[in-house]
Amino acid sequence: MPGRRHQGCARRAGAYRQRRTAPAATGLSPLTFQKQVRLQHARVLLAAGDQTATQVAQKVGYATSAQFTREYTRFYGMPPVRHAAKLRKPTAG
């Protein structure tokens, strides 16, 4: 079927264009940008407090909780469980 082949070509061309234009738009590589978006989404989910770090890791697409913890700690400077507790702690004011 020629239609499917053309759709595949279009999809690959779109991915190629994104790899070339994303750094100019965001200042980040597509992989780094995607990782940041995933980790920011994870932070929101952890702050809500209704899911464990393992559940959040799976929800945002990490294969293992260890990989998620490593990446999260690099990005935010503390492990997700500790950061979640800090995010949920009420501030005085």
PDB file of N, CA and C in Angstrom:
ATOM      1  N   MET A   1       0.833  -1.189   0.000  1.00  0.00           N
ATOM      2  CA  MET A   1       0.000   0.000   0.000  1.00  0.00           C
ATOM      3  C   MET A   1       0.878   1.254   0.000  1.00  0.00           C
ATOM      4  N   PRO A   2       0.774   2.049  -1.003  1.00  0.00           N
ATOM      5  CA  PRO A   2       1.606   3.247  -1.067  1.00  0.00           C
ATOM      6  C   PRO A   2       1.299   4.247   0.032  1.00  0.00           C
ATOM      7  N   GLY A   3       0.066   4.330   0.513  1.00  0.00           N
ATOM      8  CA  GLY A   3      -0.295   5.295   1.539  1.00  0.00           C
ATOM      9  C   GLY A   3       0.504   5.118   2.817  1.00  0.00           C
ATOM     10  N   ARG A   4       0.655   3.896   3.230  1.00  0.00           N
ATOM     11  CA  ARG A   4       1.412   3.629   4.466  1.00  0.00           C
ATOM     12  C   ARG A   4       2.877   3.991   4.318  1.00  0.00           C
ATOM     13  N   ARG A   5       3.421   3.692   3.152  1.00  0.00           N
ATOM     14  CA  ARG A   5       4.828   4.012   2.936  1.00  0.00           C
ATOM     15  C   ARG A   5       5.038   5.524   2.993  1.00  0.00           C
ATOM     16  N   HIS A   6       4.129   6.273   2.403  1.00  0.00           N
ATOM     17  CA  HIS A   6       4.243   7.739   2.416  1.00  0.00           C
ATOM     18  C   HIS A   6       4.065   8.293   3.830  1.00  0.00           C
ATOM     19  N   GLN A   7       3.187   7.684   4.618  1.00  0.00           N
ATOM     20  CA  GLN A   7       3.007   8.134   6.004  1.00  0.00           C
ATOM     21  C   GLN A   7       4.289   7.918   6.798  1.00  0.00           C
ATOM     22  N   GLY A   8       4.949   6.773   6.573  1.00  0.00           N
ATOM     23  CA  GLY A   8       6.206   6.494   7.257  1.00  0.00           C
ATOM     24  C   GLY A   8       7.284   7.489   6.880  1.00  0.00           C
ATOM     25  N   CYS A   9       7.346   7.828   5.602  1.00  0.00           N
ATOM     26  CA  CYS A   9       8.329   8.818   5.139  1.00  0.00           C
ATOM     27  C   CYS A   9       8.053  10.181   5.762  1.00  0.00           C
ATOM     28  N   ALA A  10       6.782  10.548   5.805  1.00  0.00           N
ATOM     29  CA  ALA A  10       6.414  11.842   6.389  1.00  0.00           C
ATOM     30  C   ALA A  10       6.767  11.882   7.872  1.00  0.00           C
ATOM     31  N   ARG A  11       6.524  10.788   8.558  1.00  0.00           N
ATOM     32  CA  ARG A  11       6.825  10.722   9.991  1.00  0.00           C
ATOM     33  C   ARG A  11       8.334  10.868  10.226  1.00  0.00           C
ATOM     34  N   ARG A  12       9.127  10.152   9.409  1.00  0.00           N
ATOM     35  CA  ARG A  12      10.582  10.249   9.558  1.00  0.00           C
ATOM     36  C   ARG A  12      11.072  11.656   9.228  1.00  0.00           C
ATOM     37  N   ALA A  13      10.496  12.272   8.202  1.00  0.00           N
ATOM     38  CA  ALA A  13      10.886  13.634   7.829  1.00  0.00           C
ATOM     39  C   ALA A  13      10.549  14.609   8.949  1.00  0.00           C
ATOM     40  N   GLY A  14       9.380  14.413   9.602  1.00  0.00           N
ATOM     41  CA  GLY A  14       8.996  15.263  10.730  1.00  0.00           C
ATOM     42  C   GLY A  14       9.953  15.119  11.890  1.00  0.00           C
ATOM     43  N   ALA A  15      10.359  13.882  12.179  1.00  0.00           N
ATOM     44  CA  ALA A  15      11.308  13.636  13.270  1.00  0.00           C
ATOM     45  C   ALA A  15      12.657  14.262  12.938  1.00  0.00           C
ATOM     46  N   TYR A  16      13.081  14.163  11.680  1.00  0.00           N
ATOM     47  CA  TYR A  16      14.341  14.763  11.253  1.00  0.00           C
ATOM     48  C   TYR A  16      14.291  16.284  11.415  1.00  0.00           C
ATOM     49  N   ARG A  17      13.196  16.879  10.987  1.00  0.00           N
ATOM     50  CA  ARG A  17      13.036  18.334  11.097  1.00  0.00           C
ATOM     51  C   ARG A  17      13.059  18.760  12.560  1.00  0.00           C
ATOM     52  N   GLN A  18      12.404  17.975  13.411  1.00  0.00           N
ATOM     53  CA  GLN A  18      12.370  18.305  14.842  1.00  0.00           C
ATOM     54  C   GLN A  18      13.774  18.248  15.442  1.00  0.00           C
ATOM     55  N   ARG A  19      14.557  17.244  15.073  1.00  0.00           N
ATOM     56  CA  ARG A  19      15.923  17.140  15.598  1.00  0.00           C
ATOM     57  C   ARG A  19      16.765  18.333  15.182  1.00  0.00           C
ATOM     58  N   ARG A  20      16.487  18.869  13.991  1.00  0.00           N
ATOM     59  CA  ARG A  20      17.268  20.002  13.502  1.00  0.00           C
ATOM     60  C   ARG A  20      16.796  21.328  14.076  1.00  0.00           C
ATOM     61  N   THR A  21      15.497  21.488  14.330  1.00  0.00           N
ATOM     62  CA  THR A  21      14.971  22.781  14.757  1.00  0.00           C
ATOM     63  C   THR A  21      14.819  22.904  16.266  1.00  0.00           C
ATOM     64  N   ALA A  22      14.703  21.811  16.996  1.00  0.00           N
ATOM     65  CA  ALA A  22      14.479  21.878  18.441  1.00  0.00           C
ATOM     66  C   ALA A  22      15.587  22.628  19.179  1.00  0.00           C
ATOM     67  N   PRO A  23      16.857  22.373  18.891  1.00  0.00           N
ATOM     68  CA  PRO A  23      17.895  23.120  19.616  1.00  0.00           C
ATOM     69  C   PRO A  23      17.789  24.624  19.426  1.00  0.00           C
ATOM     70  N   ALA A  24      17.406  25.057  18.251  1.00  0.00           N
ATOM     71  CA  ALA A  24      17.274  26.500  18.010  1.00  0.00           C
ATOM     72  C   ALA A  24      16.102  27.080  18.800  1.00  0.00           C
ATOM     73  N   ALA A  25      15.034  26.326  18.940  1.00  0.00           N
ATOM     74  CA  ALA A  25      13.840  26.816  19.631  1.00  0.00           C
ATOM     75  C   ALA A  25      13.977  26.772  21.143  1.00  0.00           C
ATOM     76  N   THR A  26      14.649  25.755  21.668  1.00  0.00           N
ATOM     77  CA  THR A  26      14.708  25.568  23.123  1.00  0.00           C
ATOM     78  C   THR A  26      16.101  25.748  23.709  1.00  0.00           C
ATOM     79  N   GLY A  27      17.109  25.678  22.870  1.00  0.00           N
ATOM     80  CA  GLY A  27      18.481  25.720  23.368  1.00  0.00           C
ATOM     81  C   GLY A  27      18.936  24.377  23.889  1.00  0.00           C
ATOM     82  N   LEU A  28      18.095  23.352  23.740  1.00  0.00           N
ATOM     83  CA  LEU A  28      18.395  22.010  24.238  1.00  0.00           C
ATOM     84  C   LEU A  28      18.277  20.999  23.110  1.00  0.00           C
ATOM     85  N   SER A  29      18.965  19.881  23.258  1.00  0.00           N
ATOM     86  CA  SER A  29      18.761  18.797  22.301  1.00  0.00           C
ATOM     87  C   SER A  29      17.361  18.233  22.531  1.00  0.00           C
ATOM     88  N   PRO A  30      16.774  17.582  21.536  1.00  0.00           N
ATOM     89  CA  PRO A  30      15.451  16.990  21.728  1.00  0.00           C
ATOM     90  C   PRO A  30      15.397  16.013  22.899  1.00  0.00           C
ATOM     91  N   LEU A  31      16.443  15.219  23.080  1.00  0.00           N
ATOM     92  CA  LEU A  31      16.466  14.256  24.183  1.00  0.00           C
ATOM     93  C   LEU A  31      16.490  14.966  25.536  1.00  0.00           C
ATOM     94  N   THR A  32      17.299  16.002  25.666  1.00  0.00           N
ATOM     95  CA  THR A  32      17.369  16.755  26.915  1.00  0.00           C
ATOM     96  C   THR A  32      16.052  17.468  27.186  1.00  0.00           C
ATOM     97  N   PHE A  33      15.458  18.031  26.163  1.00  0.00           N
ATOM     98  CA  PHE A  33      14.171  18.696  26.316  1.00  0.00           C
ATOM     99  C   PHE A  33      13.106  17.707  26.786  1.00  0.00           C
ATOM    100  N   GLN A  34      13.050  16.545  26.154  1.00  0.00           N
ATOM    101  CA  GLN A  34      12.077  15.521  26.537  1.00  0.00           C
ATOM    102  C   GLN A  34      12.297  15.083  27.985  1.00  0.00           C
ATOM    103  N   LYS A  35      13.557  14.902  28.377  1.00  0.00           N
ATOM    104  CA  LYS A  35      13.865  14.485  29.742  1.00  0.00           C
ATOM    105  C   LYS A  35      13.396  15.538  30.749  1.00  0.00           C
ATOM    106  N   GLN A  36      13.628  16.817  30.428  1.00  0.00           N
ATOM    107  CA  GLN A  36      13.194  17.881  31.332  1.00  0.00           C
ATOM    108  C   GLN A  36      11.676  17.926  31.468  1.00  0.00           C
ATOM    109  N   VAL A  37      10.979  17.759  30.371  1.00  0.00           N
ATOM    110  CA  VAL A  37       9.515  17.755  30.418  1.00  0.00           C
ATOM    111  C   VAL A  37       9.021  16.598  31.277  1.00  0.00           C
ATOM    112  N   ARG A  38       9.609  15.422  31.113  1.00  0.00           N
ATOM    113  CA  ARG A  38       9.212  14.255  31.907  1.00  0.00           C
ATOM    114  C   ARG A  38       9.468  14.494  33.398  1.00  0.00           C
ATOM    115  N   LEU A  39      10.620  15.056  33.719  1.00  0.00           N
ATOM    116  CA  LEU A  39      10.957  15.285  35.126  1.00  0.00           C
ATOM    117  C   LEU A  39      10.086  16.374  35.742  1.00  0.00           C
ATOM    118  N   GLN A  40       9.739  17.387  34.979  1.00  0.00           N
ATOM    119  CA  GLN A  40       8.844  18.426  35.489  1.00  0.00           C
ATOM    120  C   GLN A  40       7.446  17.866  35.729  1.00  0.00           C
ATOM    121  N   HIS A  41       6.996  16.990  34.849  1.00  0.00           N
ATOM    122  CA  HIS A  41       5.705  16.327  35.046  1.00  0.00           C
ATOM    123  C   HIS A  41       5.763  15.444  36.295  1.00  0.00           C
ATOM    124  N   ALA A  42       6.865  14.747  36.476  1.00  0.00           N
ATOM    125  CA  ALA A  42       7.046  13.903  37.659  1.00  0.00           C
ATOM    126  C   ALA A  42       6.975  14.746  38.933  1.00  0.00           C
ATOM    127  N   ARG A  43       7.580  15.913  38.919  1.00  0.00           N
ATOM    128  CA  ARG A  43       7.556  16.796  40.092  1.00  0.00           C
ATOM    129  C   ARG A  43       6.128  17.175  40.463  1.00  0.00           C
ATOM    130  N   VAL A  44       5.316  17.494  39.458  1.00  0.00           N
ATOM    131  CA  VAL A  44       3.913  17.852  39.698  1.00  0.00           C
ATOM    132  C   VAL A  44       3.171  16.663  40.305  1.00  0.00           C
ATOM    133  N   LEU A  45       3.392  15.481  39.759  1.00  0.00           N
ATOM    134  CA  LEU A  45       2.718  14.280  40.274  1.00  0.00           C
ATOM    135  C   LEU A  45       3.156  13.973  41.708  1.00  0.00           C
ATOM    136  N   LEU A  46       4.443  14.122  41.992  1.00  0.00           N
ATOM    137  CA  LEU A  46       4.940  13.870  43.345  1.00  0.00           C
ATOM    138  C   LEU A  46       4.370  14.882  44.335  1.00  0.00           C
ATOM    139  N   ALA A  47       4.275  16.120  43.919  1.00  0.00           N
ATOM    140  CA  ALA A  47       3.756  17.163  44.807  1.00  0.00           C
ATOM    141  C   ALA A  47       2.289  16.917  45.155  1.00  0.00           C
ATOM    142  N   ALA A  48       1.540  16.314  44.243  1.00  0.00           N
ATOM    143  CA  ALA A  48       0.137  16.006  44.507  1.00  0.00           C
ATOM    144  C   ALA A  48       0.011  14.998  45.649  1.00  0.00           C
ATOM    145  N   GLY A  49       0.994  14.117  45.769  1.00  0.00           N
ATOM    146  CA  GLY A  49       1.056  13.211  46.913  1.00  0.00           C
ATOM    147  C   GLY A  49       0.190  11.979  46.875  1.00  0.00           C
ATOM    148  N   ASP A  50      -0.457  11.687  45.760  1.00  0.00           N
ATOM    149  CA  ASP A  50      -1.319  10.514  45.728  1.00  0.00           C
ATOM    150  C   ASP A  50      -0.699   9.311  45.015  1.00  0.00           C
ATOM    151  N   GLN A  51       0.590   9.426  44.641  1.00  0.00           N
ATOM    152  CA  GLN A  51       1.288   8.323  43.982  1.00  0.00           C
ATOM    153  C   GLN A  51       2.683   8.170  44.579  1.00  0.00           C
ATOM    154  N   THR A  52       3.168   6.939  44.566  1.00  0.00           N
ATOM    155  CA  THR A  52       4.524   6.685  45.040  1.00  0.00           C
ATOM    156  C   THR A  52       5.519   7.107  43.962  1.00  0.00           C
ATOM    157  N   ALA A  53       6.777   7.210  44.334  1.00  0.00           N
ATOM    158  CA  ALA A  53       7.821   7.563  43.369  1.00  0.00           C
ATOM    159  C   ALA A  53       7.906   6.514  42.264  1.00  0.00           C
ATOM    160  N   THR A  54       7.713   5.253  42.608  1.00  0.00           N
ATOM    161  CA  THR A  54       7.750   4.186  41.608  1.00  0.00           C
ATOM    162  C   THR A  54       6.603   4.333  40.621  1.00  0.00           C
ATOM    163  N   GLN A  55       5.424   4.649  41.113  1.00  0.00           N
ATOM    164  CA  GLN A  55       4.272   4.854  40.228  1.00  0.00           C
ATOM    165  C   GLN A  55       4.499   6.050  39.308  1.00  0.00           C
ATOM    166  N   VAL A  56       5.054   7.111  39.859  1.00  0.00           N
ATOM    167  CA  VAL A  56       5.341   8.302  39.065  1.00  0.00           C
ATOM    168  C   VAL A  56       6.384   7.975  38.000  1.00  0.00           C
ATOM    169  N   ALA A  57       7.418   7.232  38.376  1.00  0.00           N
ATOM    170  CA  ALA A  57       8.462   6.851  37.421  1.00  0.00           C
ATOM    171  C   ALA A  57       7.855   6.122  36.229  1.00  0.00           C
ATOM    172  N   GLN A  58       6.975   5.186  36.507  1.00  0.00           N
ATOM    173  CA  GLN A  58       6.324   4.437  35.430  1.00  0.00           C
ATOM    174  C   GLN A  58       5.421   5.349  34.599  1.00  0.00           C
ATOM    175  N   LYS A  59       4.704   6.220  35.263  1.00  0.00           N
ATOM    176  CA  LYS A  59       3.751   7.090  34.569  1.00  0.00           C
ATOM    177  C   LYS A  59       4.452   8.051  33.605  1.00  0.00           C
ATOM    178  N   VAL A  60       5.632   8.530  33.975  1.00  0.00           N
ATOM    179  CA  VAL A  60       6.335   9.469  33.093  1.00  0.00           C
ATOM    180  C   VAL A  60       7.297   8.771  32.136  1.00  0.00           C
ATOM    181  N   GLY A  61       7.310   7.430  32.171  1.00  0.00           N
ATOM    182  CA  GLY A  61       8.020   6.693  31.132  1.00  0.00           C
ATOM    183  C   GLY A  61       9.384   6.135  31.459  1.00  0.00           C
ATOM    184  N   TYR A  62       9.749   6.052  32.722  1.00  0.00           N
ATOM    185  CA  TYR A  62      11.038   5.448  33.064  1.00  0.00           C
ATOM    186  C   TYR A  62      10.884   3.943  33.217  1.00  0.00           C
ATOM    187  N   ALA A  63      11.867   3.197  32.733  1.00  0.00           N
ATOM    188  CA  ALA A  63      11.827   1.734  32.784  1.00  0.00           C
ATOM    189  C   ALA A  63      12.014   1.210  34.199  1.00  0.00           C
ATOM    190  N   THR A  64      12.832   1.905  34.987  1.00  0.00           N
ATOM    191  CA  THR A  64      13.077   1.471  36.362  1.00  0.00           C
ATOM    192  C   THR A  64      13.018   2.668  37.299  1.00  0.00           C
ATOM    193  N   SER A  65      12.690   2.389  38.552  1.00  0.00           N
ATOM    194  CA  SER A  65      12.674   3.478  39.530  1.00  0.00           C
ATOM    195  C   SER A  65      14.095   3.958  39.827  1.00  0.00           C
ATOM    196  N   ALA A  66      15.078   3.082  39.685  1.00  0.00           N
ATOM    197  CA  ALA A  66      16.474   3.486  39.912  1.00  0.00           C
ATOM    198  C   ALA A  66      16.905   4.521  38.865  1.00  0.00           C
ATOM    199  N   GLN A  67      16.553   4.284  37.620  1.00  0.00           N
ATOM    200  CA  GLN A  67      16.885   5.231  36.551  1.00  0.00           C
ATOM    201  C   GLN A  67      16.178   6.570  36.803  1.00  0.00           C
ATOM    202  N   PHE A  68      14.925   6.499  37.191  1.00  0.00           N
ATOM    203  CA  PHE A  68      14.157   7.709  37.493  1.00  0.00           C
ATOM    204  C   PHE A  68      14.796   8.478  38.641  1.00  0.00           C
ATOM    205  N   THR A  69      15.142   7.790  39.729  1.00  0.00           N
ATOM    206  CA  THR A  69      15.750   8.436  40.898  1.00  0.00           C
ATOM    207  C   THR A  69      17.062   9.113  40.521  1.00  0.00           C
ATOM    208  N   ARG A  70      17.870   8.437  39.719  1.00  0.00           N
ATOM    209  CA  ARG A  70      19.153   8.991  39.288  1.00  0.00           C
ATOM    210  C   ARG A  70      18.941  10.279  38.482  1.00  0.00           C
ATOM    211  N   GLU A  71      18.059  10.235  37.497  1.00  0.00           N
ATOM    212  CA  GLU A  71      17.805  11.405  36.658  1.00  0.00           C
ATOM    213  C   GLU A  71      17.155  12.537  37.450  1.00  0.00           C
ATOM    214  N   TYR A  72      16.212  12.204  38.294  1.00  0.00           N
ATOM    215  CA  TYR A  72      15.515  13.206  39.099  1.00  0.00           C
ATOM    216  C   TYR A  72      16.500  13.910  40.037  1.00  0.00           C
ATOM    217  N   THR A  73      17.367  13.137  40.675  1.00  0.00           N
ATOM    218  CA  THR A  73      18.355  13.700  41.597  1.00  0.00           C
ATOM    219  C   THR A  73      19.324  14.615  40.857  1.00  0.00           C
ATOM    220  N   ARG A  74      19.743  14.236  39.661  1.00  0.00           N
ATOM    221  CA  ARG A  74      20.618  15.099  38.860  1.00  0.00           C
ATOM    222  C   ARG A  74      19.943  16.420  38.526  1.00  0.00           C
ATOM    223  N   PHE A  75      18.662  16.346  38.201  1.00  0.00           N
ATOM    224  CA  PHE A  75      17.935  17.533  37.748  1.00  0.00           C
ATOM    225  C   PHE A  75      17.548  18.452  38.902  1.00  0.00           C
ATOM    226  N   TYR A  76      17.039  17.878  39.999  1.00  0.00           N
ATOM    227  CA  TYR A  76      16.526  18.686  41.114  1.00  0.00           C
ATOM    228  C   TYR A  76      17.463  18.762  42.320  1.00  0.00           C
ATOM    229  N   GLY A  77      18.519  17.961  42.335  1.00  0.00           N
ATOM    230  CA  GLY A  77      19.479  18.039  43.428  1.00  0.00           C
ATOM    231  C   GLY A  77      19.101  17.265  44.670  1.00  0.00           C
ATOM    232  N   MET A  78      18.016  16.502  44.618  1.00  0.00           N
ATOM    233  CA  MET A  78      17.631  15.641  45.733  1.00  0.00           C
ATOM    234  C   MET A  78      16.743  14.523  45.201  1.00  0.00           C
ATOM    235  N   PRO A  79      16.725  13.393  45.916  1.00  0.00           N
ATOM    236  CA  PRO A  79      15.914  12.259  45.459  1.00  0.00           C
ATOM    237  C   PRO A  79      14.419  12.601  45.433  1.00  0.00           C
ATOM    238  N   PRO A  80      13.666  11.938  44.596  1.00  0.00           N
ATOM    239  CA  PRO A  80      12.254  12.268  44.451  1.00  0.00           C
ATOM    240  C   PRO A  80      11.431  12.139  45.735  1.00  0.00           C
ATOM    241  N   VAL A  81      11.703  11.138  46.548  1.00  0.00           N
ATOM    242  CA  VAL A  81      10.910  10.962  47.774  1.00  0.00           C
ATOM    243  C   VAL A  81      11.130  12.137  48.722  1.00  0.00           C
ATOM    244  N   ARG A  82      12.372  12.538  48.892  1.00  0.00           N
ATOM    245  CA  ARG A  82      12.673  13.669  49.776  1.00  0.00           C
ATOM    246  C   ARG A  82      12.133  14.973  49.202  1.00  0.00           C
ATOM    247  N   HIS A  83      12.255  15.136  47.895  1.00  0.00           N
ATOM    248  CA  HIS A  83      11.750  16.343  47.252  1.00  0.00           C
ATOM    249  C   HIS A  83      10.229  16.416  47.368  1.00  0.00           C
ATOM    250  N   ALA A  84       9.551  15.278  47.217  1.00  0.00           N
ATOM    251  CA  ALA A  84       8.091  15.243  47.333  1.00  0.00           C
ATOM    252  C   ALA A  84       7.661  15.674  48.727  1.00  0.00           C
ATOM    253  N   ALA A  85       8.356  15.190  49.744  1.00  0.00           N
ATOM    254  CA  ALA A  85       8.023  15.568  51.121  1.00  0.00           C
ATOM    255  C   ALA A  85       8.209  17.073  51.311  1.00  0.00           C
ATOM    256  N   LYS A  86       9.272  17.607  50.741  1.00  0.00           N
ATOM    257  CA  LYS A  86       9.532  19.048  50.852  1.00  0.00           C
ATOM    258  C   LYS A  86       8.467  19.854  50.108  1.00  0.00           C
ATOM    259  N   LEU A  87       8.049  19.382  48.951  1.00  0.00           N
ATOM    260  CA  LEU A  87       7.044  20.083  48.158  1.00  0.00           C
ATOM    261  C   LEU A  87       5.692  20.101  48.850  1.00  0.00           C
ATOM    262  N   ARG A  88       5.385  19.044  49.590  1.00  0.00           N
ATOM    263  CA  ARG A  88       4.090  18.944  50.260  1.00  0.00           C
ATOM    264  C   ARG A  88       4.046  19.626  51.607  1.00  0.00           C
ATOM    265  N   LYS A  89       5.221  19.938  52.153  1.00  0.00           N
ATOM    266  CA  LYS A  89       5.267  20.573  53.479  1.00  0.00           C
ATOM    267  C   LYS A  89       4.704  21.979  53.381  1.00  0.00           C
ATOM    268  N   PRO A  90       3.707  22.326  54.226  1.00  0.00           N
ATOM    269  CA  PRO A  90       3.157  23.682  54.171  1.00  0.00           C
ATOM    270  C   PRO A  90       4.199  24.705  54.621  1.00  0.00           C
ATOM    271  N   THR A  91       4.177  25.836  53.992  1.00  0.00           N
ATOM    272  CA  THR A  91       5.129  26.905  54.355  1.00  0.00           C
ATOM    273  C   THR A  91       4.436  27.865  55.307  1.00  0.00           C
ATOM    274  N   ALA A  92       5.208  28.431  56.197  1.00  0.00           N
ATOM    275  CA  ALA A  92       4.664  29.408  57.143  1.00  0.00           C
ATOM    276  C   ALA A  92       4.466  30.735  56.414  1.00  0.00           C
ATOM    277  N   GLY A  93       3.422  31.418  56.757  1.00  0.00           N
ATOM    278  CA  GLY A  93       3.277  32.697  56.101  1.00  0.00           C
ATOM    279  C   GLY A  93       1.948  33.174  56.189  1.00  0.00           C
TER     280      GLY A  93
END
